[in-house]
Amino acid sequence: SNPTLPTILFCPLRRAKARRNRDCSTAMARRYDSRTTTFSPEGRLYQVEYAMEAINLAGSTVGVLAQDGVVLAGEKKTTSKLLDMAKQHEKLFQIDDTTFCAVAGITSDANILINKLRLTAQQHVYTYGEPMPVEQLVTSICDMKQGYTQFGGLRPFGVSFLIAGFDKAHKFQLYHTDPSGNFSGWKAYAIGINNNTAQQIMRQDWKEDMKCQEALDLAAKVLQKTMDTANPNAEKLEFGICQRLESGQVKFRMLKESEINKLMADNAPKEGEDGAGESAAAASA
């Protein structure tokens, strides 16, 4: 006659069943996660999923598309006053005069793919006498990435790219690629640590008629919120921009240290804003 009795008896049974299901799925993952060429019974490729998960631990990397250009920025994890930054880049790499990319993941894997991107771009120029369309370049590198998920004895490239560039057909463009070989076009996107927070900010603040300076400000604002440091500066960041000059020519360039420091200072949270309190607390800690 006690209505609570069945519930009391049922709760431990439900917990035990949930525990069995969880243990079963863990054992299933262990059985099928040693090769990229073996599907699990649920239709998943665990090694590819693990590679994609590794990207979420990389430094924050953002891309913002504007009317007259496209901006990429990234957080460097390796910082030292002894590093010669003229010879070493960790996040941003030029592909040709009007295309560049930002990297999140294993940099040594990225170097192989960047060399392939540069070679493919120059082969197209040599064959056709004109720059390679950005989407065609992205497709070529994604085909290579996908191949490394399909054949035995290989592992996926543990790297995601944000590729930004310009071509005559589609003007300024921004693409994201992941270790599975998928790619997608975006108006603003973020990869790496705290990417959900970054994308939420960009959804709120990105506008259709943005100019390059506004895009730089948005990228700086996003990095202020997503980086773990209280005072982000040029030692910890790389910024690059591909924009149309007053002459009509489209050019890529990296921002100088002085420009990055000014940009981050101008977009630092003001007193009373969200993030200002957090930064102050982090600094005092």
Protein backbone atom coordinates (compact mmCIF):
# COMPACT_ATOMS: atom_id res chain seq x y z
CA SER A 1 0.00 0.00 0.00
CA ASN A 2 3.05 2.29 0.39
CA PRO A 3 3.37 4.18 -2.98
CA THR A 4 7.05 5.06 -2.37
CA LEU A 5 8.17 1.42 -1.97
CA PRO A 6 8.44 0.58 -5.73
CA THR A 7 10.41 3.80 -6.29
CA ILE A 8 12.81 2.98 -3.45
CA LEU A 9 13.38 -0.51 -4.88
CA PHE A 10 13.67 0.79 -8.47
CA CYS A 11 16.32 3.54 -7.91
CA PRO A 12 19.22 1.18 -7.09
CA LEU A 13 18.22 -1.01 -10.04
CA ARG A 14 18.22 2.00 -12.36
CA ARG A 15 21.64 3.14 -11.09
CA ALA A 16 23.08 -0.36 -11.52
CA LYS A 17 21.72 -0.56 -15.08
CA ALA A 18 23.19 2.88 -15.96
CA ARG A 19 26.56 1.78 -14.51
CA ARG A 20 26.48 -1.43 -16.60
CA ASN A 21 25.64 0.55 -19.76
CA ARG A 22 28.49 3.02 -19.08
CA ASP A 23 31.00 0.21 -18.44
CA CYS A 24 29.80 -1.57 -21.57
CA SER A 25 30.28 1.54 -23.77
CA THR A 26 33.77 2.11 -22.29
CA ALA A 27 34.72 -1.51 -23.02
CA MET A 28 33.28 -1.10 -26.52
CA ALA A 29 35.43 2.00 -27.12
CA ARG A 30 38.53 0.14 -25.91
CA ARG A 31 37.81 -2.72 -28.30
CA TYR A 32 37.40 -0.54 -31.39
CA ASP A 33 39.67 2.45 -30.78
CA SER A 34 43.03 0.93 -31.81
CA ARG A 35 42.56 1.46 -35.58
CA THR A 36 41.15 4.21 -37.74
CA THR A 37 39.93 1.64 -40.28
CA THR A 38 37.57 -0.23 -37.91
CA PHE A 39 34.05 1.04 -37.26
CA SER A 40 32.49 0.44 -33.85
CA PRO A 41 28.99 -1.15 -33.83
CA GLU A 42 27.58 2.38 -33.32
CA GLY A 43 29.25 3.48 -36.58
CA ARG A 44 31.99 5.56 -34.94
CA LEU A 45 35.72 5.87 -35.69
CA TYR A 46 37.19 6.46 -32.27
CA GLN A 47 40.73 7.40 -33.35
CA VAL A 48 39.36 10.18 -35.58
CA GLU A 49 37.18 11.43 -32.70
CA TYR A 50 40.20 11.43 -30.36
CA ALA A 51 42.19 13.48 -32.90
CA MET A 52 39.35 16.02 -33.07
CA GLU A 53 39.23 16.13 -29.26
CA ALA A 54 42.96 16.97 -29.12
CA ILE A 55 42.22 20.20 -31.02
CA ASN A 56 40.09 21.45 -28.09
CA LEU A 57 43.19 21.52 -25.87
CA ALA A 58 45.22 23.74 -28.24
CA GLY A 59 45.64 27.50 -27.81
CA SER A 60 42.67 29.72 -28.73
CA THR A 61 42.54 30.44 -32.46
CA VAL A 62 39.98 32.78 -34.09
CA GLY A 63 39.09 33.95 -37.58
CA VAL A 64 36.81 36.87 -38.53
CA LEU A 65 35.60 37.78 -42.02
CA ALA A 66 35.13 41.47 -42.91
CA GLN A 67 33.90 43.30 -46.03
CA ASP A 68 37.40 44.40 -47.03
CA GLY A 69 39.53 41.63 -45.55
CA VAL A 70 39.86 38.64 -43.24
CA VAL A 71 41.61 38.39 -39.85
CA LEU A 72 43.20 35.40 -38.10
CA ALA A 73 44.66 35.40 -34.59
CA GLY A 74 46.05 32.76 -32.28
CA GLU A 75 47.39 32.19 -28.78
CA LYS A 76 50.96 30.90 -28.61
CA LYS A 77 51.68 28.21 -26.00
CA THR A 78 55.48 28.35 -26.38
CA THR A 79 56.66 31.73 -25.14
CA SER A 80 60.18 32.83 -24.22
CA LYS A 81 62.18 36.02 -24.49
CA LEU A 82 64.96 33.93 -26.06
CA LEU A 83 62.84 32.83 -29.03
CA ASP A 84 63.73 34.48 -32.34
CA MET A 85 60.22 35.27 -33.60
CA ALA A 86 61.56 36.37 -37.00
CA LYS A 87 62.41 32.72 -37.71
CA GLN A 88 59.67 30.87 -35.86
CA HIS A 89 55.87 30.87 -36.02
CA GLU A 90 53.57 28.71 -33.96
CA LYS A 91 50.05 29.73 -35.02
CA LEU A 92 49.97 31.66 -38.34
CA PHE A 93 51.56 30.63 -41.63
CA GLN A 94 51.50 32.25 -45.08
CA ILE A 95 50.56 30.00 -48.01
CA ASP A 96 50.80 32.51 -50.88
CA ASP A 97 50.35 36.26 -51.45
CA THR A 98 46.62 36.24 -50.62
CA THR A 99 46.11 33.09 -48.51
CA PHE A 100 47.24 32.19 -44.99
CA CYS A 101 46.19 29.83 -42.23
CA ALA A 102 46.00 29.47 -38.46
CA VAL A 103 46.82 26.18 -36.76
CA ALA A 104 45.40 24.42 -33.69
CA GLY A 105 46.87 21.08 -32.66
CA ILE A 106 50.19 19.34 -33.25
CA THR A 107 52.47 21.86 -34.97
CA SER A 108 54.75 19.19 -36.46
CA ASP A 109 51.73 17.62 -38.19
CA ALA A 110 50.71 21.08 -39.38
CA ASN A 111 54.14 21.70 -40.96
CA ILE A 112 53.68 18.71 -43.30
CA LEU A 113 50.25 19.94 -44.41
CA ILE A 114 51.37 23.58 -44.78
CA ASN A 115 54.21 22.52 -47.08
CA LYS A 116 51.66 20.56 -49.11
CA LEU A 117 49.35 23.60 -49.27
CA ARG A 118 52.18 25.85 -50.48
CA LEU A 119 53.31 23.33 -53.11
CA THR A 120 49.74 22.81 -54.40
CA ALA A 121 49.16 26.59 -54.64
CA GLN A 122 52.38 27.14 -56.63
CA GLN A 123 51.75 24.16 -58.92
CA HIS A 124 48.36 25.70 -59.80
CA VAL A 125 49.99 29.06 -60.59
CA TYR A 126 52.64 27.32 -62.73
CA THR A 127 50.02 25.31 -64.66
CA TYR A 128 47.25 27.88 -65.11
CA GLY A 129 49.02 31.23 -64.69
CA GLU A 130 46.62 32.45 -61.98
CA PRO A 131 46.25 32.02 -58.18
CA MET A 132 44.43 28.91 -56.96
CA PRO A 133 40.83 29.49 -55.75
CA VAL A 134 40.71 29.27 -51.95
CA GLU A 135 38.02 26.56 -51.77
CA GLN A 136 39.89 24.40 -54.27
CA LEU A 137 43.03 24.67 -52.11
CA VAL A 138 41.06 23.74 -48.98
CA THR A 139 39.50 20.76 -50.77
CA SER A 140 42.92 19.48 -51.83
CA ILE A 141 44.30 19.43 -48.27
CA CYS A 142 41.09 17.90 -46.87
CA ASP A 143 41.35 15.06 -49.42
CA MET A 144 44.82 14.31 -48.00
CA LYS A 145 43.54 14.49 -44.39
CA GLN A 146 40.65 12.15 -45.19
CA GLY A 147 43.02 9.62 -46.77
CA TYR A 148 44.84 9.29 -43.45
CA THR A 149 41.61 8.10 -41.77
CA GLN A 150 40.87 5.36 -44.32
CA PHE A 151 44.04 3.29 -44.73
CA GLY A 152 45.65 0.88 -42.25
CA GLY A 153 48.93 1.78 -40.58
CA LEU A 154 48.24 5.53 -40.68
CA ARG A 155 46.95 7.91 -38.03
CA PRO A 156 44.90 11.06 -38.60
CA PHE A 157 46.70 14.43 -38.65
CA GLY A 158 46.13 15.92 -35.20
CA VAL A 159 45.55 19.43 -36.50
CA SER A 160 42.73 21.78 -37.50
CA PHE A 161 43.16 24.80 -39.76
CA LEU A 162 41.43 28.11 -40.17
CA ILE A 163 42.28 29.02 -43.78
CA ALA A 164 41.66 32.60 -44.90
CA GLY A 165 42.20 34.12 -48.32
CA PHE A 166 40.95 35.96 -51.38
CA ASP A 167 40.10 34.99 -54.94
CA LYS A 168 38.36 36.87 -57.77
CA ALA A 169 35.30 34.61 -57.85
CA HIS A 170 34.29 34.63 -54.16
CA LYS A 171 36.34 37.54 -52.72
CA PHE A 172 37.41 37.13 -49.06
CA GLN A 173 36.74 33.73 -47.51
CA LEU A 174 37.26 31.84 -44.24
CA TYR A 175 37.27 28.04 -43.95
CA HIS A 176 37.66 25.56 -41.12
CA THR A 177 39.11 22.06 -41.61
CA ASP A 178 39.30 19.23 -39.06
CA PRO A 179 41.26 15.93 -38.76
CA SER A 180 38.43 13.92 -40.35
CA GLY A 181 38.83 15.78 -43.67
CA ASN A 182 35.62 17.81 -43.31
CA PHE A 183 35.66 21.52 -44.13
CA SER A 184 33.15 24.33 -43.84
CA GLY A 185 32.94 28.04 -44.71
CA TRP A 186 32.37 30.60 -41.93
CA LYS A 187 31.90 34.33 -41.33
CA ALA A 188 33.59 34.00 -37.92
CA TYR A 189 34.90 30.89 -36.20
CA ALA A 190 37.04 29.73 -33.26
CA ILE A 191 38.96 26.54 -32.53
CA GLY A 192 41.07 25.45 -29.59
CA ILE A 193 40.48 25.90 -25.87
CA ASN A 194 37.27 27.73 -24.79
CA ASN A 195 36.01 27.72 -28.39
CA ASN A 196 32.34 27.59 -27.26
CA THR A 197 32.75 30.85 -25.32
CA ALA A 198 34.50 32.44 -28.30
CA GLN A 199 31.78 31.42 -30.75
CA GLN A 200 29.07 32.73 -28.44
CA ILE A 201 30.75 36.17 -28.35
CA MET A 202 31.16 36.19 -32.14
CA ARG A 203 27.53 35.23 -32.71
CA GLN A 204 26.50 38.28 -30.67
CA ASP A 205 29.02 40.81 -32.05
CA TRP A 206 29.72 39.87 -35.69
CA LYS A 207 28.01 42.14 -38.24
CA GLU A 208 27.52 41.80 -42.00
CA ASP A 209 29.09 45.20 -42.83
CA MET A 210 32.22 44.87 -40.65
CA LYS A 211 35.45 46.54 -41.74
CA CYS A 212 38.94 45.17 -41.05
CA GLN A 213 39.53 47.30 -37.96
CA GLU A 214 36.24 46.11 -36.43
CA ALA A 215 37.21 42.52 -37.22
CA LEU A 216 40.57 43.02 -35.48
CA ASP A 217 38.78 44.50 -32.46
CA LEU A 218 36.38 41.53 -32.33
CA ALA A 219 39.25 39.01 -32.53
CA ALA A 220 41.06 40.87 -29.71
CA LYS A 221 37.91 40.95 -27.58
CA VAL A 222 37.37 37.20 -28.05
CA LEU A 223 40.98 36.40 -27.10
CA GLN A 224 40.71 38.61 -24.00
CA LYS A 225 37.81 36.42 -22.83
CA THR A 226 39.16 32.98 -23.83
CA MET A 227 42.85 33.14 -22.86
CA ASP A 228 43.94 32.00 -19.40
CA THR A 229 46.27 34.96 -18.90
CA ALA A 230 45.22 38.25 -17.28
CA ASN A 231 47.24 40.48 -19.65
CA PRO A 232 47.43 39.06 -23.20
CA ASN A 233 50.17 40.77 -25.25
CA ALA A 234 52.32 40.33 -28.36
CA GLU A 235 54.55 37.80 -26.58
CA LYS A 236 51.60 35.40 -26.34
CA LEU A 237 49.72 36.25 -29.57
CA GLU A 238 50.01 36.26 -33.35
CA PHE A 239 47.73 38.34 -35.60
CA GLY A 240 47.55 38.26 -39.40
CA ILE A 241 45.36 40.07 -41.89
CA CYS A 242 44.63 39.72 -45.60
CA GLN A 243 43.07 42.98 -46.82
CA ARG A 244 42.39 45.13 -49.84
CA LEU A 245 44.74 48.13 -49.96
CA GLU A 246 43.76 51.60 -51.21
CA SER A 247 45.44 50.75 -54.51
CA GLY A 248 42.97 47.87 -54.93
CA GLN A 249 45.68 45.24 -54.44
CA VAL A 250 45.02 42.44 -51.92
CA LYS A 251 47.92 41.66 -49.58
CA PHE A 252 48.64 39.53 -46.53
CA ARG A 253 50.70 40.80 -43.61
CA MET A 254 51.46 39.90 -40.00
CA LEU A 255 50.75 42.56 -37.36
CA LYS A 256 53.79 44.02 -35.59
CA GLU A 257 54.28 43.61 -31.84
CA SER A 258 53.46 47.29 -31.20
CA GLU A 259 50.19 46.95 -33.17
CA ILE A 260 49.16 43.82 -31.24
CA ASN A 261 49.91 45.43 -27.85
CA LYS A 262 47.88 48.54 -28.76
CA LEU A 263 45.00 46.39 -30.08
CA MET A 264 44.82 44.29 -26.91
CA ALA A 265 45.07 47.37 -24.67
CA ASP A 266 42.27 49.14 -26.57
CA ASN A 267 39.99 46.09 -26.24
CA ALA A 268 40.77 45.19 -22.63
CA PRO A 269 37.61 44.97 -20.48
CA LYS A 270 36.86 48.30 -18.80
CA GLU A 271 36.15 48.60 -15.08
CA GLY A 272 32.69 47.24 -14.30
CA GLU A 273 32.45 45.16 -17.48
CA ASP A 274 32.27 41.36 -17.47
CA GLY A 275 35.80 40.04 -17.53
CA ALA A 276 37.37 43.06 -15.80
CA GLY A 277 36.61 41.57 -12.41
CA GLU A 278 37.85 38.16 -13.56
CA SER A 279 41.11 39.68 -14.87
CA ALA A 280 41.66 41.59 -11.61
CA ALA A 281 41.03 38.43 -9.57
CA ALA A 282 43.43 36.43 -11.78
CA ALA A 283 46.10 39.15 -11.44
CA SER A 284 45.78 39.26 -7.64
CA ALA A 285 45.88 35.45 -7.45
